[in-house]
Amino acid sequence: MYLWALRLLLERVSWYIRDHGGGTSVVTFAHVKRFKVQKLHDYRRALALSDTNIHWPSFDGHQYKVSAPNSIELLQVADITASALLDAVEPRYGNVEDRYLRNISESFIATAPARSPRTG
């Protein structure tokens, strides 16, 4: 599941970059216990050789970076957001808790830059 989610994430990030003026992106992942970093790099190479909807020019010229989750602030934000989403949709003890997701979503909306109309 982790690698499938990675593929979907790469697709969406690459589309966003392509649709908002191009350029390239550096992708940094949090180190996951018992998940070998080499497996991540091998999967990326396999995806590049397969039929995907990833816009590969968005990632030209860099390897994935893997860092400790507590070493990069944005990885901490991603972890908090993923945890809030999980609690909102995955029943725990028969209940879901969407309060965390609602609280952080208000912060994202309040600080989000104005969007320009998409072309094409």
PDB file of N, CA and C in Angstrom:
ATOM      1  N   MET A   1       0.824  -1.205   0.000  1.00  0.00           N
ATOM      2  CA  MET A   1       0.000   0.000   0.000  1.00  0.00           C
ATOM      3  C   MET A   1       0.862   1.261   0.000  1.00  0.00           C
ATOM      4  N   TYR A   2       1.976   1.204   0.734  1.00  0.00           N
ATOM      5  CA  TYR A   2       2.844   2.373   0.827  1.00  0.00           C
ATOM      6  C   TYR A   2       3.346   2.780  -0.553  1.00  0.00           C
ATOM      7  N   LEU A   3       3.800   1.799  -1.331  1.00  0.00           N
ATOM      8  CA  LEU A   3       4.333   2.126  -2.657  1.00  0.00           C
ATOM      9  C   LEU A   3       3.220   2.578  -3.609  1.00  0.00           C
ATOM     10  N   TRP A   4       2.035   2.015  -3.493  1.00  0.00           N
ATOM     11  CA  TRP A   4       0.913   2.466  -4.330  1.00  0.00           C
ATOM     12  C   TRP A   4       0.561   3.915  -3.992  1.00  0.00           C
ATOM     13  N   ALA A   5       0.532   4.241  -2.715  1.00  0.00           N
ATOM     14  CA  ALA A   5       0.269   5.623  -2.300  1.00  0.00           C
ATOM     15  C   ALA A   5       1.366   6.545  -2.815  1.00  0.00           C
ATOM     16  N   LEU A   6       2.595   6.061  -2.821  1.00  0.00           N
ATOM     17  CA  LEU A   6       3.709   6.849  -3.361  1.00  0.00           C
ATOM     18  C   LEU A   6       3.469   7.167  -4.833  1.00  0.00           C
ATOM     19  N   ARG A   7       3.040   6.181  -5.588  1.00  0.00           N
ATOM     20  CA  ARG A   7       2.774   6.403  -7.011  1.00  0.00           C
ATOM     21  C   ARG A   7       1.694   7.463  -7.206  1.00  0.00           C
ATOM     22  N   LEU A   8       0.605   7.356  -6.454  1.00  0.00           N
ATOM     23  CA  LEU A   8      -0.469   8.341  -6.575  1.00  0.00           C
ATOM     24  C   LEU A   8       0.016   9.738  -6.188  1.00  0.00           C
ATOM     25  N   LEU A   9       0.817   9.821  -5.146  1.00  0.00           N
ATOM     26  CA  LEU A   9       1.357  11.110  -4.727  1.00  0.00           C
ATOM     27  C   LEU A   9       2.244  11.714  -5.802  1.00  0.00           C
ATOM     28  N   LEU A  10       3.125  10.909  -6.375  1.00  0.00           N
ATOM     29  CA  LEU A  10       4.001  11.416  -7.431  1.00  0.00           C
ATOM     30  C   LEU A  10       3.205  11.892  -8.636  1.00  0.00           C
ATOM     31  N   GLU A  11       2.166  11.162  -8.994  1.00  0.00           N
ATOM     32  CA  GLU A  11       1.319  11.601 -10.102  1.00  0.00           C
ATOM     33  C   GLU A  11       0.739  12.977  -9.818  1.00  0.00           C
ATOM     34  N   ARG A  12       0.132  13.129  -8.641  1.00  0.00           N
ATOM     35  CA  ARG A  12      -0.552  14.393  -8.330  1.00  0.00           C
ATOM     36  C   ARG A  12       0.424  15.555  -8.203  1.00  0.00           C
ATOM     37  N   VAL A  13       1.565  15.321  -7.575  1.00  0.00           N
ATOM     38  CA  VAL A  13       2.567  16.391  -7.454  1.00  0.00           C
ATOM     39  C   VAL A  13       3.074  16.787  -8.832  1.00  0.00           C
ATOM     40  N   SER A  14       3.341  15.812  -9.676  1.00  0.00           N
ATOM     41  CA  SER A  14       3.856  16.123 -11.018  1.00  0.00           C
ATOM     42  C   SER A  14       2.824  16.879 -11.847  1.00  0.00           C
ATOM     43  N   TRP A  15       1.558  16.518 -11.710  1.00  0.00           N
ATOM     44  CA  TRP A  15       0.509  17.239 -12.437  1.00  0.00           C
ATOM     45  C   TRP A  15       0.410  18.680 -11.952  1.00  0.00           C
ATOM     46  N   TYR A  16       0.498  18.863 -10.648  1.00  0.00           N
ATOM     47  CA  TYR A  16       0.419  20.220 -10.084  1.00  0.00           C
ATOM     48  C   TYR A  16       1.559  21.077 -10.627  1.00  0.00           C
ATOM     49  N   ILE A  17       2.763  20.530 -10.642  1.00  0.00           N
ATOM     50  CA  ILE A  17       3.918  21.284 -11.150  1.00  0.00           C
ATOM     51  C   ILE A  17       3.718  21.608 -12.625  1.00  0.00           C
ATOM     52  N   ARG A  18       3.319  20.624 -13.395  1.00  0.00           N
ATOM     53  CA  ARG A  18       3.089  20.814 -14.830  1.00  0.00           C
ATOM     54  C   ARG A  18       2.012  21.872 -15.088  1.00  0.00           C
ATOM     55  N   ASP A  19       0.932  21.824 -14.343  1.00  0.00           N
ATOM     56  CA  ASP A  19      -0.203  22.714 -14.566  1.00  0.00           C
ATOM     57  C   ASP A  19      -0.002  24.119 -14.010  1.00  0.00           C
ATOM     58  N   HIS A  20       1.053  24.307 -13.228  1.00  0.00           N
ATOM     59  CA  HIS A  20       1.312  25.620 -12.633  1.00  0.00           C
ATOM     60  C   HIS A  20       2.653  26.190 -13.068  1.00  0.00           C
ATOM     61  N   GLY A  21       2.971  26.036 -14.335  1.00  0.00           N
ATOM     62  CA  GLY A  21       4.136  26.701 -14.888  1.00  0.00           C
ATOM     63  C   GLY A  21       5.379  25.867 -15.055  1.00  0.00           C
ATOM     64  N   GLY A  22       5.331  24.610 -14.678  1.00  0.00           N
ATOM     65  CA  GLY A  22       6.486  23.747 -14.898  1.00  0.00           C
ATOM     66  C   GLY A  22       7.562  23.903 -13.851  1.00  0.00           C
ATOM     67  N   GLY A  23       8.761  23.539 -14.235  1.00  0.00           N
ATOM     68  CA  GLY A  23       9.864  23.523 -13.292  1.00  0.00           C
ATOM     69  C   GLY A  23      10.051  22.116 -12.750  1.00  0.00           C
ATOM     70  N   THR A  24      10.929  22.017 -11.763  1.00  0.00           N
ATOM     71  CA  THR A  24      11.172  20.711 -11.166  1.00  0.00           C
ATOM     72  C   THR A  24      10.948  20.777  -9.663  1.00  0.00           C
ATOM     73  N   SER A  25      10.827  19.609  -9.068  1.00  0.00           N
ATOM     74  CA  SER A  25      10.534  19.508  -7.655  1.00  0.00           C
ATOM     75  C   SER A  25      11.505  18.548  -6.990  1.00  0.00           C
ATOM     76  N   VAL A  26      11.784  18.793  -5.734  1.00  0.00           N
ATOM     77  CA  VAL A  26      12.549  17.866  -4.911  1.00  0.00           C
ATOM     78  C   VAL A  26      11.572  17.254  -3.924  1.00  0.00           C
ATOM     79  N   VAL A  27      11.515  15.938  -3.894  1.00  0.00           N
ATOM     80  CA  VAL A  27      10.581  15.235  -3.032  1.00  0.00           C
ATOM     81  C   VAL A  27      11.361  14.649  -1.857  1.00  0.00           C
ATOM     82  N   THR A  28      10.890  14.937  -0.644  1.00  0.00           N
ATOM     83  CA  THR A  28      11.528  14.418   0.560  1.00  0.00           C
ATOM     84  C   THR A  28      10.524  13.565   1.323  1.00  0.00           C
ATOM     85  N   PHE A  29      10.922  12.353   1.636  1.00  0.00           N
ATOM     86  CA  PHE A  29      10.080  11.434   2.376  1.00  0.00           C
ATOM     87  C   PHE A  29      10.635  11.242   3.776  1.00  0.00           C
ATOM     88  N   ALA A  30       9.742  10.961   4.699  1.00  0.00           N
ATOM     89  CA  ALA A  30      10.151  10.626   6.051  1.00  0.00           C
ATOM     90  C   ALA A  30      10.628   9.180   6.075  1.00  0.00           C
ATOM     91  N   HIS A  31      11.666   8.935   6.810  1.00  0.00           N
ATOM     92  CA  HIS A  31      12.147   7.564   6.976  1.00  0.00           C
ATOM     93  C   HIS A  31      11.108   6.767   7.762  1.00  0.00           C
ATOM     94  N   VAL A  32      10.770   5.602   7.249  1.00  0.00           N
ATOM     95  CA  VAL A  32       9.787   4.722   7.887  1.00  0.00           C
ATOM     96  C   VAL A  32      10.538   3.521   8.455  1.00  0.00           C
ATOM     97  N   LYS A  33      10.315   3.224   9.719  1.00  0.00           N
ATOM     98  CA  LYS A  33      10.983   2.084  10.348  1.00  0.00           C
ATOM     99  C   LYS A  33      10.713   0.811   9.560  1.00  0.00           C
ATOM    100  N   ARG A  34      11.729  -0.002   9.438  1.00  0.00           N
ATOM    101  CA  ARG A  34      11.674  -1.303   8.776  1.00  0.00           C
ATOM    102  C   ARG A  34      11.339  -1.217   7.280  1.00  0.00           C
ATOM    103  N   PHE A  35      11.455  -0.036   6.693  1.00  0.00           N
ATOM    104  CA  PHE A  35      11.256   0.110   5.248  1.00  0.00           C
ATOM    105  C   PHE A  35      12.591   0.545   4.654  1.00  0.00           C
ATOM    106  N   LYS A  36      13.180  -0.302   3.846  1.00  0.00           N
ATOM    107  CA  LYS A  36      14.507  -0.028   3.297  1.00  0.00           C
ATOM    108  C   LYS A  36      14.428   1.087   2.260  1.00  0.00           C
ATOM    109  N   VAL A  37      15.314   2.073   2.423  1.00  0.00           N
ATOM    110  CA  VAL A  37      15.343   3.219   1.521  1.00  0.00           C
ATOM    111  C   VAL A  37      15.596   2.766   0.082  1.00  0.00           C
ATOM    112  N   GLN A  38      16.427   1.739  -0.096  1.00  0.00           N
ATOM    113  CA  GLN A  38      16.715   1.248  -1.433  1.00  0.00           C
ATOM    114  C   GLN A  38      15.452   0.785  -2.145  1.00  0.00           C
ATOM    115  N   LYS A  39      14.490   0.255  -1.406  1.00  0.00           N
ATOM    116  CA  LYS A  39      13.223  -0.181  -1.988  1.00  0.00           C
ATOM    117  C   LYS A  39      12.482   1.004  -2.621  1.00  0.00           C
ATOM    118  N   LEU A  40      12.559   2.156  -1.994  1.00  0.00           N
ATOM    119  CA  LEU A  40      11.948   3.373  -2.523  1.00  0.00           C
ATOM    120  C   LEU A  40      12.597   3.772  -3.848  1.00  0.00           C
ATOM    121  N   HIS A  41      13.928   3.769  -3.875  1.00  0.00           N
ATOM    122  CA  HIS A  41      14.643   4.135  -5.104  1.00  0.00           C
ATOM    123  C   HIS A  41      14.400   3.106  -6.218  1.00  0.00           C
ATOM    124  N   ASP A  42      14.363   1.827  -5.866  1.00  0.00           N
ATOM    125  CA  ASP A  42      14.092   0.783  -6.853  1.00  0.00           C
ATOM    126  C   ASP A  42      12.688   0.939  -7.441  1.00  0.00           C
ATOM    127  N   TYR A  43      11.732   1.281  -6.592  1.00  0.00           N
ATOM    128  CA  TYR A  43      10.353   1.451  -7.058  1.00  0.00           C
ATOM    129  C   TYR A  43      10.249   2.638  -8.011  1.00  0.00           C
ATOM    130  N   ARG A  44      10.948   3.704  -7.702  1.00  0.00           N
ATOM    131  CA  ARG A  44      10.938   4.865  -8.598  1.00  0.00           C
ATOM    132  C   ARG A  44      11.484   4.486  -9.969  1.00  0.00           C
ATOM    133  N   ARG A  45      12.576   3.740  -9.994  1.00  0.00           N
ATOM    134  CA  ARG A  45      13.131   3.307 -11.287  1.00  0.00           C
ATOM    135  C   ARG A  45      12.127   2.414 -12.027  1.00  0.00           C
ATOM    136  N   ALA A  46      11.453   1.530 -11.317  1.00  0.00           N
ATOM    137  CA  ALA A  46      10.456   0.653 -11.943  1.00  0.00           C
ATOM    138  C   ALA A  46       9.299   1.480 -12.499  1.00  0.00           C
ATOM    139  N   LEU A  47       8.871   2.496 -11.762  1.00  0.00           N
ATOM    140  CA  LEU A  47       7.784   3.349 -12.254  1.00  0.00           C
ATOM    141  C   LEU A  47       8.190   4.080 -13.529  1.00  0.00           C
ATOM    142  N   ALA A  48       9.430   4.525 -13.582  1.00  0.00           N
ATOM    143  CA  ALA A  48       9.907   5.254 -14.760  1.00  0.00           C
ATOM    144  C   ALA A  48       9.884   4.383 -16.012  1.00  0.00           C
ATOM    145  N   LEU A  49       9.992   3.082 -15.829  1.00  0.00           N
ATOM    146  CA  LEU A  49       9.987   2.156 -16.961  1.00  0.00           C
ATOM    147  C   LEU A  49       8.598   1.608 -17.273  1.00  0.00           C
ATOM    148  N   SER A  50       7.618   1.935 -16.449  1.00  0.00           N
ATOM    149  CA  SER A  50       6.272   1.404 -16.646  1.00  0.00           C
ATOM    150  C   SER A  50       5.342   2.479 -17.202  1.00  0.00           C
ATOM    151  N   ASP A  51       4.131   2.070 -17.469  1.00  0.00           N
ATOM    152  CA  ASP A  51       3.123   2.978 -18.024  1.00  0.00           C
ATOM    153  C   ASP A  51       2.380   3.663 -16.874  1.00  0.00           C
ATOM    154  N   THR A  52       2.792   4.882 -16.534  1.00  0.00           N
ATOM    155  CA  THR A  52       2.136   5.643 -15.474  1.00  0.00           C
ATOM    156  C   THR A  52       1.717   6.994 -16.037  1.00  0.00           C
ATOM    157  N   ASN A  53       0.973   7.733 -15.253  1.00  0.00           N
ATOM    158  CA  ASN A  53       0.583   9.090 -15.630  1.00  0.00           C
ATOM    159  C   ASN A  53       1.445  10.142 -14.949  1.00  0.00           C
ATOM    160  N   ILE A  54       2.601   9.730 -14.446  1.00  0.00           N
ATOM    161  CA  ILE A  54       3.511  10.667 -13.791  1.00  0.00           C
ATOM    162  C   ILE A  54       4.168  11.535 -14.860  1.00  0.00           C
ATOM    163  N   HIS A  55       4.173  12.832 -14.640  1.00  0.00           N
ATOM    164  CA  HIS A  55       4.846  13.768 -15.535  1.00  0.00           C
ATOM    165  C   HIS A  55       6.307  13.855 -15.082  1.00  0.00           C
ATOM    166  N   TRP A  56       7.147  12.988 -15.632  1.00  0.00           N
ATOM    167  CA  TRP A  56       8.517  12.824 -15.147  1.00  0.00           C
ATOM    168  C   TRP A  56       9.390  14.071 -15.231  1.00  0.00           C
ATOM    169  N   PRO A  57       9.202  14.981 -16.209  1.00  0.00           N
ATOM    170  CA  PRO A  57      10.041  16.183 -16.217  1.00  0.00           C
ATOM    171  C   PRO A  57       9.937  17.010 -14.922  1.00  0.00           C
ATOM    172  N   SER A  58       8.869  16.834 -14.170  1.00  0.00           N
ATOM    173  CA  SER A  58       8.718  17.552 -12.905  1.00  0.00           C
ATOM    174  C   SER A  58       9.737  17.107 -11.860  1.00  0.00           C
ATOM    175  N   PHE A  59      10.359  15.944 -12.074  1.00  0.00           N
ATOM    176  CA  PHE A  59      11.320  15.418 -11.107  1.00  0.00           C
ATOM    177  C   PHE A  59      12.711  15.230 -11.701  1.00  0.00           C
ATOM    178  N   ASP A  60      12.974  15.847 -12.849  1.00  0.00           N
ATOM    179  CA  ASP A  60      14.263  15.667 -13.499  1.00  0.00           C
ATOM    180  C   ASP A  60      15.423  16.114 -12.616  1.00  0.00           C
ATOM    181  N   GLY A  61      16.478  15.312 -12.656  1.00  0.00           N
ATOM    182  CA  GLY A  61      17.740  15.723 -12.066  1.00  0.00           C
ATOM    183  C   GLY A  61      17.890  15.581 -10.570  1.00  0.00           C
ATOM    184  N   HIS A  62      17.039  14.824  -9.898  1.00  0.00           N
ATOM    185  CA  HIS A  62      17.271  14.632  -8.462  1.00  0.00           C
ATOM    186  C   HIS A  62      16.807  13.261  -8.016  1.00  0.00           C
ATOM    187  N   GLN A  63      17.416  12.798  -6.964  1.00  0.00           N
ATOM    188  CA  GLN A  63      16.983  11.575  -6.312  1.00  0.00           C
ATOM    189  C   GLN A  63      16.015  11.953  -5.212  1.00  0.00           C
ATOM    190  N   TYR A  64      15.211  11.004  -4.809  1.00  0.00           N
ATOM    191  CA  TYR A  64      14.380  11.250  -3.642  1.00  0.00           C
ATOM    192  C   TYR A  64      15.284  11.478  -2.446  1.00  0.00           C
ATOM    193  N   LYS A  65      14.835  12.317  -1.560  1.00  0.00           N
ATOM    194  CA  LYS A  65      15.533  12.495  -0.296  1.00  0.00           C
ATOM    195  C   LYS A  65      14.727  11.796   0.779  1.00  0.00           C
ATOM    196  N   VAL A  66      15.427  11.170   1.698  1.00  0.00           N
ATOM    197  CA  VAL A  66      14.779  10.510   2.827  1.00  0.00           C
ATOM    198  C   VAL A  66      15.428  11.064   4.086  1.00  0.00           C
ATOM    199  N   SER A  67      14.613  11.607   4.968  1.00  0.00           N
ATOM    200  CA  SER A  67      15.119  12.227   6.195  1.00  0.00           C
ATOM    201  C   SER A  67      14.324  11.742   7.393  1.00  0.00           C
ATOM    202  N   ALA A  68      14.899  11.945   8.557  1.00  0.00           N
ATOM    203  CA  ALA A  68      14.181  11.627   9.791  1.00  0.00           C
ATOM    204  C   ALA A  68      12.986  12.565   9.901  1.00  0.00           C
ATOM    205  N   PRO A  69      11.821  12.055  10.291  1.00  0.00           N
ATOM    206  CA  PRO A  69      10.615  12.891  10.350  1.00  0.00           C
ATOM    207  C   PRO A  69      10.758  14.126  11.233  1.00  0.00           C
ATOM    208  N   ASN A  70      11.563  14.031  12.284  1.00  0.00           N
ATOM    209  CA  ASN A  70      11.684  15.181  13.181  1.00  0.00           C
ATOM    210  C   ASN A  70      12.741  16.182  12.728  1.00  0.00           C
ATOM    211  N   SER A  71      13.389  15.942  11.577  1.00  0.00           N
ATOM    212  CA  SER A  71      14.452  16.842  11.138  1.00  0.00           C
ATOM    213  C   SER A  71      13.969  17.922  10.167  1.00  0.00           C
ATOM    214  N   ILE A  72      12.800  17.760   9.590  1.00  0.00           N
ATOM    215  CA  ILE A  72      12.291  18.715   8.608  1.00  0.00           C
ATOM    216  C   ILE A  72      10.865  19.095   9.001  1.00  0.00           C
ATOM    217  N   GLU A  73      10.642  20.385   9.163  1.00  0.00           N
ATOM    218  CA  GLU A  73       9.346  20.873   9.649  1.00  0.00           C
ATOM    219  C   GLU A  73       8.183  20.446   8.759  1.00  0.00           C
ATOM    220  N   LEU A  74       8.359  20.494   7.442  1.00  0.00           N
ATOM    221  CA  LEU A  74       7.259  20.130   6.554  1.00  0.00           C
ATOM    222  C   LEU A  74       6.908  18.642   6.639  1.00  0.00           C
ATOM    223  N   LEU A  75       7.883  17.799   6.983  1.00  0.00           N
ATOM    224  CA  LEU A  75       7.556  16.388   7.199  1.00  0.00           C
ATOM    225  C   LEU A  75       6.676  16.240   8.438  1.00  0.00           C
ATOM    226  N   GLN A  76       6.920  17.061   9.438  1.00  0.00           N
ATOM    227  CA  GLN A  76       6.084  17.033  10.630  1.00  0.00           C
ATOM    228  C   GLN A  76       4.668  17.487  10.305  1.00  0.00           C
ATOM    229  N   VAL A  77       4.543  18.515   9.463  1.00  0.00           N
ATOM    230  CA  VAL A  77       3.224  18.992   9.048  1.00  0.00           C
ATOM    231  C   VAL A  77       2.494  17.885   8.271  1.00  0.00           C
ATOM    232  N   ALA A  78       3.205  17.222   7.373  1.00  0.00           N
ATOM    233  CA  ALA A  78       2.590  16.130   6.606  1.00  0.00           C
ATOM    234  C   ALA A  78       2.134  15.008   7.523  1.00  0.00           C
ATOM    235  N   ASP A  79       2.936  14.677   8.520  1.00  0.00           N
ATOM    236  CA  ASP A  79       2.573  13.613   9.455  1.00  0.00           C
ATOM    237  C   ASP A  79       1.348  13.986  10.275  1.00  0.00           C
ATOM    238  N   ILE A  80       1.292  15.216  10.747  1.00  0.00           N
ATOM    239  CA  ILE A  80       0.130  15.686  11.521  1.00  0.00           C
ATOM    240  C   ILE A  80      -1.129  15.646  10.659  1.00  0.00           C
ATOM    241  N   THR A  81      -0.999  16.102   9.416  1.00  0.00           N
ATOM    242  CA  THR A  81      -2.143  16.139   8.511  1.00  0.00           C
ATOM    243  C   THR A  81      -2.632  14.725   8.188  1.00  0.00           C
ATOM    244  N   ALA A  82      -1.703  13.816   7.919  1.00  0.00           N
ATOM    245  CA  ALA A  82      -2.085  12.437   7.621  1.00  0.00           C
ATOM    246  C   ALA A  82      -2.765  11.788   8.826  1.00  0.00           C
ATOM    247  N   SER A  83      -2.251  12.058  10.015  1.00  0.00           N
ATOM    248  CA  SER A  83      -2.862  11.498  11.221  1.00  0.00           C
ATOM    249  C   SER A  83      -4.267  12.045  11.431  1.00  0.00           C
ATOM    250  N   ALA A  84      -4.455  13.337  11.195  1.00  0.00           N
ATOM    251  CA  ALA A  84      -5.780  13.935  11.348  1.00  0.00           C
ATOM    252  C   ALA A  84      -6.757  13.350  10.336  1.00  0.00           C
ATOM    253  N   LEU A  85      -6.304  13.150   9.110  1.00  0.00           N
ATOM    254  CA  LEU A  85      -7.162  12.559   8.089  1.00  0.00           C
ATOM    255  C   LEU A  85      -7.522  11.118   8.451  1.00  0.00           C
ATOM    256  N   LEU A  86      -6.546  10.355   8.908  1.00  0.00           N
ATOM    257  CA  LEU A  86      -6.819   8.977   9.305  1.00  0.00           C
ATOM    258  C   LEU A  86      -7.857   8.923  10.421  1.00  0.00           C
ATOM    259  N   ASP A  87      -7.699   9.775  11.427  1.00  0.00           N
ATOM    260  CA  ASP A  87      -8.663   9.784  12.530  1.00  0.00           C
ATOM    261  C   ASP A  87     -10.062  10.199  12.062  1.00  0.00           C
ATOM    262  N   ALA A  88     -10.127  11.002  11.001  1.00  0.00           N
ATOM    263  CA  ALA A  88     -11.425  11.470  10.502  1.00  0.00           C
ATOM    264  C   ALA A  88     -12.160  10.408   9.691  1.00  0.00           C
ATOM    265  N   VAL A  89     -11.433   9.466   9.105  1.00  0.00           N
ATOM    266  CA  VAL A  89     -12.094   8.503   8.219  1.00  0.00           C
ATOM    267  C   VAL A  89     -11.996   7.052   8.675  1.00  0.00           C
ATOM    268  N   GLU A  90     -11.062   6.726   9.535  1.00  0.00           N
ATOM    269  CA  GLU A  90     -10.870   5.346   9.990  1.00  0.00           C
ATOM    270  C   GLU A  90     -11.458   5.169  11.377  1.00  0.00           C
ATOM    271  N   PRO A  91     -12.515   4.371  11.497  1.00  0.00           N
ATOM    272  CA  PRO A  91     -13.122   4.196  12.820  1.00  0.00           C
ATOM    273  C   PRO A  91     -12.141   3.582  13.824  1.00  0.00           C
ATOM    274  N   ARG A  92     -12.087   4.172  14.981  1.00  0.00           N
ATOM    275  CA  ARG A  92     -11.289   3.652  16.083  1.00  0.00           C
ATOM    276  C   ARG A  92     -12.249   3.465  17.246  1.00  0.00           C
ATOM    277  N   TYR A  93     -12.336   2.258  17.738  1.00  0.00           N
ATOM    278  CA  TYR A  93     -13.304   1.933  18.798  1.00  0.00           C
ATOM    279  C   TYR A  93     -14.735   2.263  18.352  1.00  0.00           C
ATOM    280  N   GLY A  94     -14.988   2.128  17.030  1.00  0.00           N
ATOM    281  CA  GLY A  94     -16.323   2.351  16.510  1.00  0.00           C
ATOM    282  C   GLY A  94     -16.653   3.799  16.194  1.00  0.00           C
ATOM    283  N   ASN A  95     -15.708   4.711  16.418  1.00  0.00           N
ATOM    284  CA  ASN A  95     -15.954   6.140  16.174  1.00  0.00           C
ATOM    285  C   ASN A  95     -14.886   6.734  15.270  1.00  0.00           C
ATOM    286  N   VAL A  96     -15.257   7.825  14.622  1.00  0.00           N
ATOM    287  CA  VAL A  96     -14.273   8.629  13.910  1.00  0.00           C
ATOM    288  C   VAL A  96     -14.214   9.991  14.595  1.00  0.00           C
ATOM    289  N   GLU A  97     -13.077  10.646  14.457  1.00  0.00           N
ATOM    290  CA  GLU A  97     -12.892  11.951  15.093  1.00  0.00           C
ATOM    291  C   GLU A  97     -12.412  12.933  14.031  1.00  0.00           C
ATOM    292  N   ASP A  98     -13.344  13.760  13.522  1.00  0.00           N
ATOM    293  CA  ASP A  98     -12.970  14.701  12.462  1.00  0.00           C
ATOM    294  C   ASP A  98     -12.574  16.080  13.002  1.00  0.00           C
ATOM    295  N   ARG A  99     -12.619  16.256  14.297  1.00  0.00           N
ATOM    296  CA  ARG A  99     -12.317  17.561  14.894  1.00  0.00           C
ATOM    297  C   ARG A  99     -10.900  18.010  14.552  1.00  0.00           C
ATOM    298  N   TYR A 100      -9.914  17.086  14.592  1.00  0.00           N
ATOM    299  CA  TYR A 100      -8.527  17.455  14.298  1.00  0.00           C
ATOM    300  C   TYR A 100      -8.400  17.943  12.855  1.00  0.00           C
ATOM    301  N   LEU A 101      -9.029  17.229  11.946  1.00  0.00           N
ATOM    302  CA  LEU A 101      -8.974  17.610  10.538  1.00  0.00           C
ATOM    303  C   LEU A 101      -9.657  18.958  10.311  1.00  0.00           C
ATOM    304  N   ARG A 102     -10.815  19.159  10.940  1.00  0.00           N
ATOM    305  CA  ARG A 102     -11.502  20.453  10.798  1.00  0.00           C
ATOM    306  C   ARG A 102     -10.648  21.587  11.351  1.00  0.00           C
ATOM    307  N   ASN A 103      -9.999  21.363  12.471  1.00  0.00           N
ATOM    308  CA  ASN A 103      -9.163  22.412  13.069  1.00  0.00           C
ATOM    309  C   ASN A 103      -7.986  22.788  12.180  1.00  0.00           C
ATOM    310  N   ILE A 104      -7.294  21.798  11.640  1.00  0.00           N
ATOM    311  CA  ILE A 104      -6.143  22.162  10.813  1.00  0.00           C
ATOM    312  C   ILE A 104      -6.578  22.671   9.445  1.00  0.00           C
ATOM    313  N   SER A 105      -7.717  22.198   8.937  1.00  0.00           N
ATOM    314  CA  SER A 105      -8.164  22.682   7.627  1.00  0.00           C
ATOM    315  C   SER A 105      -8.486  24.171   7.681  1.00  0.00           C
ATOM    316  N   GLU A 106      -9.005  24.649   8.796  1.00  0.00           N
ATOM    317  CA  GLU A 106      -9.266  26.080   8.938  1.00  0.00           C
ATOM    318  C   GLU A 106      -7.969  26.874   8.847  1.00  0.00           C
ATOM    319  N   SER A 107      -6.893  26.336   9.391  1.00  0.00           N
ATOM    320  CA  SER A 107      -5.594  27.009   9.304  1.00  0.00           C
ATOM    321  C   SER A 107      -5.090  27.039   7.870  1.00  0.00           C
ATOM    322  N   PHE A 108      -5.265  25.924   7.136  1.00  0.00           N
ATOM    323  CA  PHE A 108      -4.807  25.881   5.756  1.00  0.00           C
ATOM    324  C   PHE A 108      -5.581  26.856   4.885  1.00  0.00           C
ATOM    325  N   ILE A 109      -6.875  26.899   5.074  1.00  0.00           N
ATOM    326  CA  ILE A 109      -7.708  27.800   4.273  1.00  0.00           C
ATOM    327  C   ILE A 109      -7.359  29.257   4.564  1.00  0.00           C
ATOM    328  N   ALA A 110      -7.133  29.572   5.823  1.00  0.00           N
ATOM    329  CA  ALA A 110      -6.826  30.954   6.216  1.00  0.00           C
ATOM    330  C   ALA A 110      -5.491  31.420   5.658  1.00  0.00           C
ATOM    331  N   THR A 111      -4.531  30.498   5.450  1.00  0.00           N
ATOM    332  CA  THR A 111      -3.201  30.892   5.001  1.00  0.00           C
ATOM    333  C   THR A 111      -2.926  30.571   3.544  1.00  0.00           C
ATOM    334  N   ALA A 112      -3.890  29.978   2.854  1.00  0.00           N
ATOM    335  CA  ALA A 112      -3.679  29.588   1.461  1.00  0.00           C
ATOM    336  C   ALA A 112      -3.597  30.826   0.564  1.00  0.00           C
ATOM    337  N   PRO A 113      -2.637  30.825  -0.386  1.00  0.00           N
ATOM    338  CA  PRO A 113      -2.550  31.938  -1.323  1.00  0.00           C
ATOM    339  C   PRO A 113      -3.739  31.930  -2.275  1.00  0.00           C
ATOM    340  N   ALA A 114      -4.057  33.092  -2.810  1.00  0.00           N
ATOM    341  CA  ALA A 114      -5.144  33.178  -3.784  1.00  0.00           C
ATOM    342  C   ALA A 114      -4.770  32.352  -5.016  1.00  0.00           C
ATOM    343  N   ARG A 115      -5.731  31.623  -5.537  1.00  0.00           N
ATOM    344  CA  ARG A 115      -5.476  30.778  -6.702  1.00  0.00           C
ATOM    345  C   ARG A 115      -5.775  31.544  -7.970  1.00  0.00           C
ATOM    346  N   SER A 116      -4.915  31.359  -8.958  1.00  0.00           N
ATOM    347  CA  SER A 116      -5.166  31.953 -10.261  1.00  0.00           C
ATOM    348  C   SER A 116      -5.954  30.952 -11.093  1.00  0.00           C
ATOM    349  N   PRO A 117      -6.735  31.442 -12.042  1.00  0.00           N
ATOM    350  CA  PRO A 117      -7.528  30.523 -12.878  1.00  0.00           C
ATOM    351  C   PRO A 117      -6.604  29.617 -13.671  1.00  0.00           C
ATOM    352  N   ARG A 118      -6.985  28.350 -13.787  1.00  0.00           N
ATOM    353  CA  ARG A 118      -6.192  27.388 -14.569  1.00  0.00           C
ATOM    354  C   ARG A 118      -6.481  27.563 -16.044  1.00  0.00           C
ATOM    355  N   THR A 119      -5.463  27.350 -16.840  1.00  0.00           N
ATOM    356  CA  THR A 119      -5.639  27.452 -18.289  1.00  0.00           C
ATOM    357  C   THR A 119      -5.543  26.064 -18.893  1.00  0.00           C
ATOM    358  N   GLY A 120      -6.142  25.924 -20.085  1.00  0.00           N
ATOM    359  CA  GLY A 120      -5.993  24.698 -20.844  1.00  0.00           C
ATOM    360  C   GLY A 120      -6.794  23.624 -20.360  1.00  0.00           C
TER     361      GLY A 120
END
